[in-house]
Amino acid sequence: MPSQLPTSLLVVGIPSLLVTLAHLKSLPLAYTFRSWLLLKYLVKRAKLNQLNPDPLFSVVSQDHRCFWDDIDYNQHMNNSRIYLLYTILPRVMMEPDYHIFAHNAGVLTLFKKEMPPLQRYTIQSRVWTWNHKWLWLQHRFVFTKDKEEVIACAAVSKIVFKRASGKTISPPHVLELCGHHLSAADEDRRAKNWDIAQHILELDVLFQNPESWDHPIAKL
């Protein structure tokens, strides 16, 4: 007869296994492995498409499920940015001769609805607007409840393009390098959204707050 597992092993092992499965996405190297798989897929997809870009304002989406350790909006937006940049700007992201790198320079996140554990949800991302320095991306975390779409979170992220020397490359130039030919409708959309985005840049005044931070009430 096959030997039976000791009761003590089952008592410890089963809960440990359940906890591990519930926190699968935060295990060591789990995020790195998932990012590598995503990058591998994007590189293959871009090569099959001969590095031709998707339409500029295309929406890219990724489906997820909200595990107990999976409430990190910023981490998911990072993956979503990678996805979008490789589909909209494949030449600059993949051809080393350009020596241009995309850097995340800030994120603004607005939370609206709670996302319960195990809820299926979708992250949607697209190009929002740009000027001579910044490319803005727009993100949504959405799920379905009672057959209605619920927006749990809305966010924007600010991208700057740099050469290895540190020189900033303007988004219009990057778009041109990647084969995007901007129409009048594209410019109208960019300008309309820029009217909103430029006010977000005014938040940089927070770095120049004149009130003193030198005398805290309590130091923990």
C-alpha atoms as a PDB file:
ATOM      1  CA  MET A   1       0.000   0.000   0.000  1.00  0.00           C
ATOM      2  CA  PRO A   2       1.297   3.490  -0.741  1.00  0.00           C
ATOM      3  CA  SER A   3       2.518   5.329   2.300  1.00  0.00           C
ATOM      4  CA  GLN A   4       0.266   8.074   3.561  1.00  0.00           C
ATOM      5  CA  LEU A   5       1.557  11.578   4.171  1.00  0.00           C
ATOM      6  CA  PRO A   6       1.859  12.525   7.845  1.00  0.00           C
ATOM      7  CA  THR A   7      -1.030  14.597   9.143  1.00  0.00           C
ATOM      8  CA  SER A   8       1.368  17.305  10.313  1.00  0.00           C
ATOM      9  CA  LEU A   9       2.746  17.642   6.779  1.00  0.00           C
ATOM     10  CA  LEU A  10      -0.750  18.050   5.363  1.00  0.00           C
ATOM     11  CA  VAL A  11      -1.690  20.575   8.038  1.00  0.00           C
ATOM     12  CA  VAL A  12       1.335  22.711   7.187  1.00  0.00           C
ATOM     13  CA  GLY A  13       1.670  21.914   3.486  1.00  0.00           C
ATOM     14  CA  ILE A  14      -1.860  22.562   2.238  1.00  0.00           C
ATOM     15  CA  PRO A  15      -2.222  26.060   3.779  1.00  0.00           C
ATOM     16  CA  SER A  16       1.308  26.918   2.616  1.00  0.00           C
ATOM     17  CA  LEU A  17       0.450  25.827  -0.919  1.00  0.00           C
ATOM     18  CA  LEU A  18      -2.758  27.874  -0.886  1.00  0.00           C
ATOM     19  CA  VAL A  19      -0.929  30.971   0.363  1.00  0.00           C
ATOM     20  CA  THR A  20       1.746  30.508  -2.313  1.00  0.00           C
ATOM     21  CA  LEU A  21      -0.849  30.178  -5.075  1.00  0.00           C
ATOM     22  CA  ALA A  22      -2.755  33.211  -3.768  1.00  0.00           C
ATOM     23  CA  HIS A  23       0.434  35.305  -3.912  1.00  0.00           C
ATOM     24  CA  LEU A  24       1.880  33.777  -7.064  1.00  0.00           C
ATOM     25  CA  LYS A  25       2.558  37.101  -8.782  1.00  0.00           C
ATOM     26  CA  SER A  26       4.776  38.397  -5.976  1.00  0.00           C
ATOM     27  CA  LEU A  27       7.063  35.373  -5.707  1.00  0.00           C
ATOM     28  CA  PRO A  28      10.790  36.031  -6.336  1.00  0.00           C
ATOM     29  CA  LEU A  29      11.475  36.689 -10.047  1.00  0.00           C
ATOM     30  CA  ALA A  30       7.765  36.264 -10.917  1.00  0.00           C
ATOM     31  CA  TYR A  31       7.464  39.843 -12.204  1.00  0.00           C
ATOM     32  CA  THR A  32      10.766  39.553 -14.093  1.00  0.00           C
ATOM     33  CA  PHE A  33       9.647  36.318 -15.756  1.00  0.00           C
ATOM     34  CA  ARG A  34       6.265  37.748 -16.764  1.00  0.00           C
ATOM     35  CA  SER A  35       7.932  40.879 -18.151  1.00  0.00           C
ATOM     36  CA  TRP A  36      10.361  38.739 -20.147  1.00  0.00           C
ATOM     37  CA  LEU A  37       7.501  36.716 -21.657  1.00  0.00           C
ATOM     38  CA  LEU A  38       5.691  39.934 -22.599  1.00  0.00           C
ATOM     39  CA  LEU A  39       8.821  41.420 -24.163  1.00  0.00           C
ATOM     40  CA  LYS A  40       9.523  38.212 -26.098  1.00  0.00           C
ATOM     41  CA  TYR A  41       5.984  38.250 -27.505  1.00  0.00           C
ATOM     42  CA  LEU A  42       6.192  41.942 -28.461  1.00  0.00           C
ATOM     43  CA  VAL A  43       9.528  41.546 -30.250  1.00  0.00           C
ATOM     44  CA  LYS A  44       8.203  38.584 -32.235  1.00  0.00           C
ATOM     45  CA  ARG A  45       5.006  40.464 -33.106  1.00  0.00           C
ATOM     46  CA  ALA A  46       6.916  43.562 -34.245  1.00  0.00           C
ATOM     47  CA  LYS A  47       9.265  41.521 -36.443  1.00  0.00           C
ATOM     48  CA  LEU A  48       6.362  39.687 -38.084  1.00  0.00           C
ATOM     49  CA  ASN A  49       4.867  43.099 -38.832  1.00  0.00           C
ATOM     50  CA  GLN A  50       8.224  44.249 -40.301  1.00  0.00           C
ATOM     51  CA  LEU A  51       8.432  46.972 -37.626  1.00  0.00           C
ATOM     52  CA  ASN A  52       5.470  48.797 -39.138  1.00  0.00           C
ATOM     53  CA  PRO A  53       3.599  50.664 -36.398  1.00  0.00           C
ATOM     54  CA  ASP A  54       0.006  50.178 -35.371  1.00  0.00           C
ATOM     55  CA  PRO A  55      -2.247  53.247 -35.806  1.00  0.00           C
ATOM     56  CA  LEU A  56      -1.117  56.043 -33.495  1.00  0.00           C
ATOM     57  CA  PHE A  57      -4.180  56.121 -31.240  1.00  0.00           C
ATOM     58  CA  SER A  58      -4.680  52.349 -31.122  1.00  0.00           C
ATOM     59  CA  VAL A  59      -5.931  50.935 -27.826  1.00  0.00           C
ATOM     60  CA  VAL A  60      -3.944  48.013 -26.450  1.00  0.00           C
ATOM     61  CA  SER A  61      -5.456  45.885 -23.701  1.00  0.00           C
ATOM     62  CA  GLN A  62      -4.356  43.169 -21.301  1.00  0.00           C
ATOM     63  CA  ASP A  63      -6.641  40.931 -19.264  1.00  0.00           C
ATOM     64  CA  HIS A  64      -5.842  40.157 -15.638  1.00  0.00           C
ATOM     65  CA  ARG A  65      -7.376  38.748 -12.487  1.00  0.00           C
ATOM     66  CA  CYS A  66      -7.031  40.577  -9.179  1.00  0.00           C
ATOM     67  CA  PHE A  67      -5.211  38.278  -6.746  1.00  0.00           C
ATOM     68  CA  TRP A  68      -4.610  39.188  -3.105  1.00  0.00           C
ATOM     69  CA  ASP A  69      -1.129  40.479  -3.840  1.00  0.00           C
ATOM     70  CA  ASP A  70      -2.113  42.079  -7.126  1.00  0.00           C
ATOM     71  CA  ILE A  71      -3.199  45.597  -6.235  1.00  0.00           C
ATOM     72  CA  ASP A  72      -0.102  47.281  -7.667  1.00  0.00           C
ATOM     73  CA  TYR A  73      -1.513  49.623 -10.316  1.00  0.00           C
ATOM     74  CA  ASN A  74       1.882  51.125 -11.036  1.00  0.00           C
ATOM     75  CA  GLN A  75       3.511  47.785 -11.862  1.00  0.00           C
ATOM     76  CA  HIS A  76       0.732  46.900 -14.277  1.00  0.00           C
ATOM     77  CA  MET A  77       0.896  50.276 -15.963  1.00  0.00           C
ATOM     78  CA  ASN A  78       4.602  49.722 -16.483  1.00  0.00           C
ATOM     79  CA  ASN A  79       3.827  46.519 -18.410  1.00  0.00           C
ATOM     80  CA  SER A  80       1.087  48.315 -20.299  1.00  0.00           C
ATOM     81  CA  ARG A  81       3.474  51.110 -21.309  1.00  0.00           C
ATOM     82  CA  ILE A  82       5.939  48.543 -22.661  1.00  0.00           C
ATOM     83  CA  TYR A  83       3.149  46.890 -24.645  1.00  0.00           C
ATOM     84  CA  LEU A  84       1.984  50.184 -26.145  1.00  0.00           C
ATOM     85  CA  LEU A  85       5.443  51.539 -27.013  1.00  0.00           C
ATOM     86  CA  TYR A  86       6.413  48.342 -28.812  1.00  0.00           C
ATOM     87  CA  THR A  87       3.248  48.423 -30.930  1.00  0.00           C
ATOM     88  CA  ILE A  88       3.138  52.169 -31.669  1.00  0.00           C
ATOM     89  CA  LEU A  89       6.905  52.863 -31.880  1.00  0.00           C
ATOM     90  CA  PRO A  90       8.514  49.527 -32.828  1.00  0.00           C
ATOM     91  CA  ARG A  91      11.408  50.921 -34.867  1.00  0.00           C
ATOM     92  CA  VAL A  92      12.760  53.198 -32.157  1.00  0.00           C
ATOM     93  CA  MET A  93      12.244  50.531 -29.481  1.00  0.00           C
ATOM     94  CA  MET A  94      13.940  47.730 -31.434  1.00  0.00           C
ATOM     95  CA  GLU A  95      16.463  49.132 -33.911  1.00  0.00           C
ATOM     96  CA  PRO A  96      19.669  49.910 -31.959  1.00  0.00           C
ATOM     97  CA  ASP A  97      21.015  52.386 -34.529  1.00  0.00           C
ATOM     98  CA  TYR A  98      18.606  55.039 -33.247  1.00  0.00           C
ATOM     99  CA  HIS A  99      20.035  54.920 -29.688  1.00  0.00           C
ATOM    100  CA  ILE A 100      16.776  56.374 -28.372  1.00  0.00           C
ATOM    101  CA  PHE A 101      15.335  55.237 -25.059  1.00  0.00           C
ATOM    102  CA  ALA A 102      11.867  55.859 -23.590  1.00  0.00           C
ATOM    103  CA  HIS A 103      11.821  56.835 -19.910  1.00  0.00           C
ATOM    104  CA  ASN A 104       8.815  57.069 -17.623  1.00  0.00           C
ATOM    105  CA  ALA A 105       8.885  60.554 -16.066  1.00  0.00           C
ATOM    106  CA  GLY A 106       5.744  60.429 -13.948  1.00  0.00           C
ATOM    107  CA  VAL A 107       2.343  58.874 -13.344  1.00  0.00           C
ATOM    108  CA  LEU A 108      -0.925  60.405 -12.160  1.00  0.00           C
ATOM    109  CA  THR A 109      -3.496  57.891 -10.931  1.00  0.00           C
ATOM    110  CA  LEU A 110      -7.135  58.513  -9.996  1.00  0.00           C
ATOM    111  CA  PHE A 111      -8.964  55.759  -8.116  1.00  0.00           C
ATOM    112  CA  LYS A 112     -12.736  55.547  -8.424  1.00  0.00           C
ATOM    113  CA  LYS A 113     -14.052  52.050  -7.645  1.00  0.00           C
ATOM    114  CA  GLU A 114     -12.862  49.205  -5.459  1.00  0.00           C
ATOM    115  CA  MET A 115     -11.712  46.086  -7.276  1.00  0.00           C
ATOM    116  CA  PRO A 116     -12.633  42.978  -5.233  1.00  0.00           C
ATOM    117  CA  PRO A 117     -10.278  39.971  -4.935  1.00  0.00           C
ATOM    118  CA  LEU A 118     -10.365  37.528  -7.866  1.00  0.00           C
ATOM    119  CA  GLN A 119     -12.134  40.100 -10.053  1.00  0.00           C
ATOM    120  CA  ARG A 120     -11.306  39.837 -13.749  1.00  0.00           C
ATOM    121  CA  TYR A 121     -10.287  43.195 -15.185  1.00  0.00           C
ATOM    122  CA  THR A 122      -8.735  44.737 -18.284  1.00  0.00           C
ATOM    123  CA  ILE A 123      -6.011  47.364 -18.595  1.00  0.00           C
ATOM    124  CA  GLN A 124      -6.447  49.619 -21.624  1.00  0.00           C
ATOM    125  CA  SER A 125      -3.746  52.011 -22.823  1.00  0.00           C
ATOM    126  CA  ARG A 126      -3.354  54.451 -25.702  1.00  0.00           C
ATOM    127  CA  VAL A 127      -1.462  57.554 -26.758  1.00  0.00           C
ATOM    128  CA  TRP A 128      -3.146  60.622 -25.290  1.00  0.00           C
ATOM    129  CA  THR A 129      -1.210  63.695 -26.426  1.00  0.00           C
ATOM    130  CA  TRP A 130       2.284  65.202 -26.744  1.00  0.00           C
ATOM    131  CA  ASN A 131       4.290  68.391 -27.136  1.00  0.00           C
ATOM    132  CA  HIS A 132       7.932  69.127 -28.014  1.00  0.00           C
ATOM    133  CA  LYS A 133       9.166  67.227 -24.920  1.00  0.00           C
ATOM    134  CA  TRP A 134       6.543  64.904 -23.425  1.00  0.00           C
ATOM    135  CA  LEU A 135       4.507  62.018 -24.787  1.00  0.00           C
ATOM    136  CA  TRP A 136       1.491  61.288 -22.603  1.00  0.00           C
ATOM    137  CA  LEU A 137      -0.182  57.883 -22.404  1.00  0.00           C
ATOM    138  CA  GLN A 138      -3.671  57.241 -21.071  1.00  0.00           C
ATOM    139  CA  HIS A 139      -4.686  54.143 -19.080  1.00  0.00           C
ATOM    140  CA  ARG A 140      -7.895  52.614 -17.693  1.00  0.00           C
ATOM    141  CA  PHE A 141      -8.538  49.668 -15.392  1.00  0.00           C
ATOM    142  CA  VAL A 142     -12.025  48.385 -16.204  1.00  0.00           C
ATOM    143  CA  PHE A 143     -14.193  45.429 -15.250  1.00  0.00           C
ATOM    144  CA  THR A 144     -17.765  44.306 -15.840  1.00  0.00           C
ATOM    145  CA  LYS A 145     -20.424  44.255 -13.128  1.00  0.00           C
ATOM    146  CA  ASP A 146     -24.072  43.434 -13.825  1.00  0.00           C
ATOM    147  CA  LYS A 147     -23.276  43.668 -17.549  1.00  0.00           C
ATOM    148  CA  GLU A 148     -22.091  47.259 -17.108  1.00  0.00           C
ATOM    149  CA  GLU A 149     -18.543  48.528 -17.635  1.00  0.00           C
ATOM    150  CA  VAL A 150     -16.989  49.872 -14.441  1.00  0.00           C
ATOM    151  CA  ILE A 151     -13.909  52.116 -14.504  1.00  0.00           C
ATOM    152  CA  ALA A 152     -11.931  51.276 -11.377  1.00  0.00           C
ATOM    153  CA  CYS A 153      -8.972  53.521 -12.118  1.00  0.00           C
ATOM    154  CA  ALA A 154      -7.897  56.124 -14.666  1.00  0.00           C
ATOM    155  CA  ALA A 155      -4.293  57.205 -15.102  1.00  0.00           C
ATOM    156  CA  VAL A 156      -1.885  59.060 -17.336  1.00  0.00           C
ATOM    157  CA  SER A 157       1.860  58.547 -17.644  1.00  0.00           C
ATOM    158  CA  LYS A 158       4.464  60.945 -18.981  1.00  0.00           C
ATOM    159  CA  ILE A 159       7.197  59.628 -21.305  1.00  0.00           C
ATOM    160  CA  VAL A 160      10.397  61.380 -22.370  1.00  0.00           C
ATOM    161  CA  PHE A 161      12.712  60.119 -25.120  1.00  0.00           C
ATOM    162  CA  LYS A 162      16.472  60.386 -24.548  1.00  0.00           C
ATOM    163  CA  ARG A 163      19.631  59.464 -26.393  1.00  0.00           C
ATOM    164  CA  ALA A 164      22.417  57.747 -24.466  1.00  0.00           C
ATOM    165  CA  SER A 165      24.118  61.157 -24.271  1.00  0.00           C
ATOM    166  CA  GLY A 166      21.135  62.524 -22.340  1.00  0.00           C
ATOM    167  CA  LYS A 167      19.822  64.661 -25.192  1.00  0.00           C
ATOM    168  CA  THR A 168      16.020  64.842 -25.325  1.00  0.00           C
ATOM    169  CA  ILE A 169      14.353  63.807 -28.595  1.00  0.00           C
ATOM    170  CA  SER A 170      10.971  65.370 -29.329  1.00  0.00           C
ATOM    171  CA  PRO A 171       7.942  63.053 -29.620  1.00  0.00           C
ATOM    172  CA  PRO A 172       7.025  64.415 -33.101  1.00  0.00           C
ATOM    173  CA  HIS A 173      10.489  63.409 -34.336  1.00  0.00           C
ATOM    174  CA  VAL A 174      10.159  59.940 -32.772  1.00  0.00           C
ATOM    175  CA  LEU A 175       6.729  59.486 -34.348  1.00  0.00           C
ATOM    176  CA  GLU A 176       8.157  60.456 -37.738  1.00  0.00           C
ATOM    177  CA  LEU A 177      11.052  57.996 -37.371  1.00  0.00           C
ATOM    178  CA  CYS A 178       8.541  55.235 -36.675  1.00  0.00           C
ATOM    179  CA  GLY A 179       6.510  55.924 -39.810  1.00  0.00           C
ATOM    180  CA  HIS A 180       3.592  57.906 -38.406  1.00  0.00           C
ATOM    181  CA  HIS A 181       2.316  60.570 -40.785  1.00  0.00           C
ATOM    182  CA  LEU A 182       0.204  62.929 -38.708  1.00  0.00           C
ATOM    183  CA  SER A 183      -3.048  64.073 -40.253  1.00  0.00           C
ATOM    184  CA  ALA A 184      -5.040  67.205 -39.451  1.00  0.00           C
ATOM    185  CA  ALA A 185      -7.392  65.029 -37.383  1.00  0.00           C
ATOM    186  CA  ASP A 186      -4.427  63.677 -35.386  1.00  0.00           C
ATOM    187  CA  GLU A 187      -3.240  67.215 -34.657  1.00  0.00           C
ATOM    188  CA  ASP A 188      -6.735  68.331 -33.617  1.00  0.00           C
ATOM    189  CA  ARG A 189      -6.982  65.413 -31.203  1.00  0.00           C
ATOM    190  CA  ARG A 190      -3.497  66.078 -29.828  1.00  0.00           C
ATOM    191  CA  ALA A 191      -4.228  69.785 -29.294  1.00  0.00           C
ATOM    192  CA  LYS A 192      -7.563  69.136 -27.578  1.00  0.00           C
ATOM    193  CA  ASN A 193      -6.025  66.671 -25.129  1.00  0.00           C
ATOM    194  CA  TRP A 194      -2.992  68.900 -24.571  1.00  0.00           C
ATOM    195  CA  ASP A 195      -5.293  71.574 -23.158  1.00  0.00           C
ATOM    196  CA  ILE A 196      -5.810  69.163 -20.238  1.00  0.00           C
ATOM    197  CA  ALA A 197      -2.317  67.670 -20.021  1.00  0.00           C
ATOM    198  CA  GLN A 198      -0.573  71.037 -19.759  1.00  0.00           C
ATOM    199  CA  HIS A 199      -2.378  71.698 -16.481  1.00  0.00           C
ATOM    200  CA  ILE A 200      -1.018  68.449 -15.038  1.00  0.00           C
ATOM    201  CA  LEU A 201       2.488  69.772 -15.690  1.00  0.00           C
ATOM    202  CA  GLU A 202       1.653  72.664 -13.374  1.00  0.00           C
ATOM    203  CA  LEU A 203       1.860  70.181 -10.491  1.00  0.00           C
ATOM    204  CA  ASP A 204       5.650  70.498 -10.768  1.00  0.00           C
ATOM    205  CA  VAL A 205       5.215  73.522  -8.504  1.00  0.00           C
ATOM    206  CA  LEU A 206       5.021  70.978  -5.660  1.00  0.00           C
ATOM    207  CA  PHE A 207       8.805  70.621  -5.926  1.00  0.00           C
ATOM    208  CA  GLN A 208       9.113  74.317  -5.025  1.00  0.00           C
ATOM    209  CA  ASN A 209       6.767  74.345  -2.019  1.00  0.00           C
ATOM    210  CA  PRO A 210       7.832  77.370   0.080  1.00  0.00           C
ATOM    211  CA  GLU A 211       6.512  76.057   3.409  1.00  0.00           C
ATOM    212  CA  SER A 212       9.214  74.490   5.576  1.00  0.00           C
ATOM    213  CA  TRP A 213       9.471  70.713   6.043  1.00  0.00           C
ATOM    214  CA  ASP A 214      12.231  71.014   8.650  1.00  0.00           C
ATOM    215  CA  HIS A 215      10.132  70.809  11.819  1.00  0.00           C
ATOM    216  CA  PRO A 216       7.992  67.648  11.823  1.00  0.00           C
ATOM    217  CA  ILE A 217       5.521  67.083  14.656  1.00  0.00           C
ATOM    218  CA  ALA A 218       6.574  63.463  14.896  1.00  0.00           C
ATOM    219  CA  LYS A 219       9.342  61.384  13.414  1.00  0.00           C
ATOM    220  CA  LEU A 220       8.667  57.659  13.112  1.00  0.00           C
END
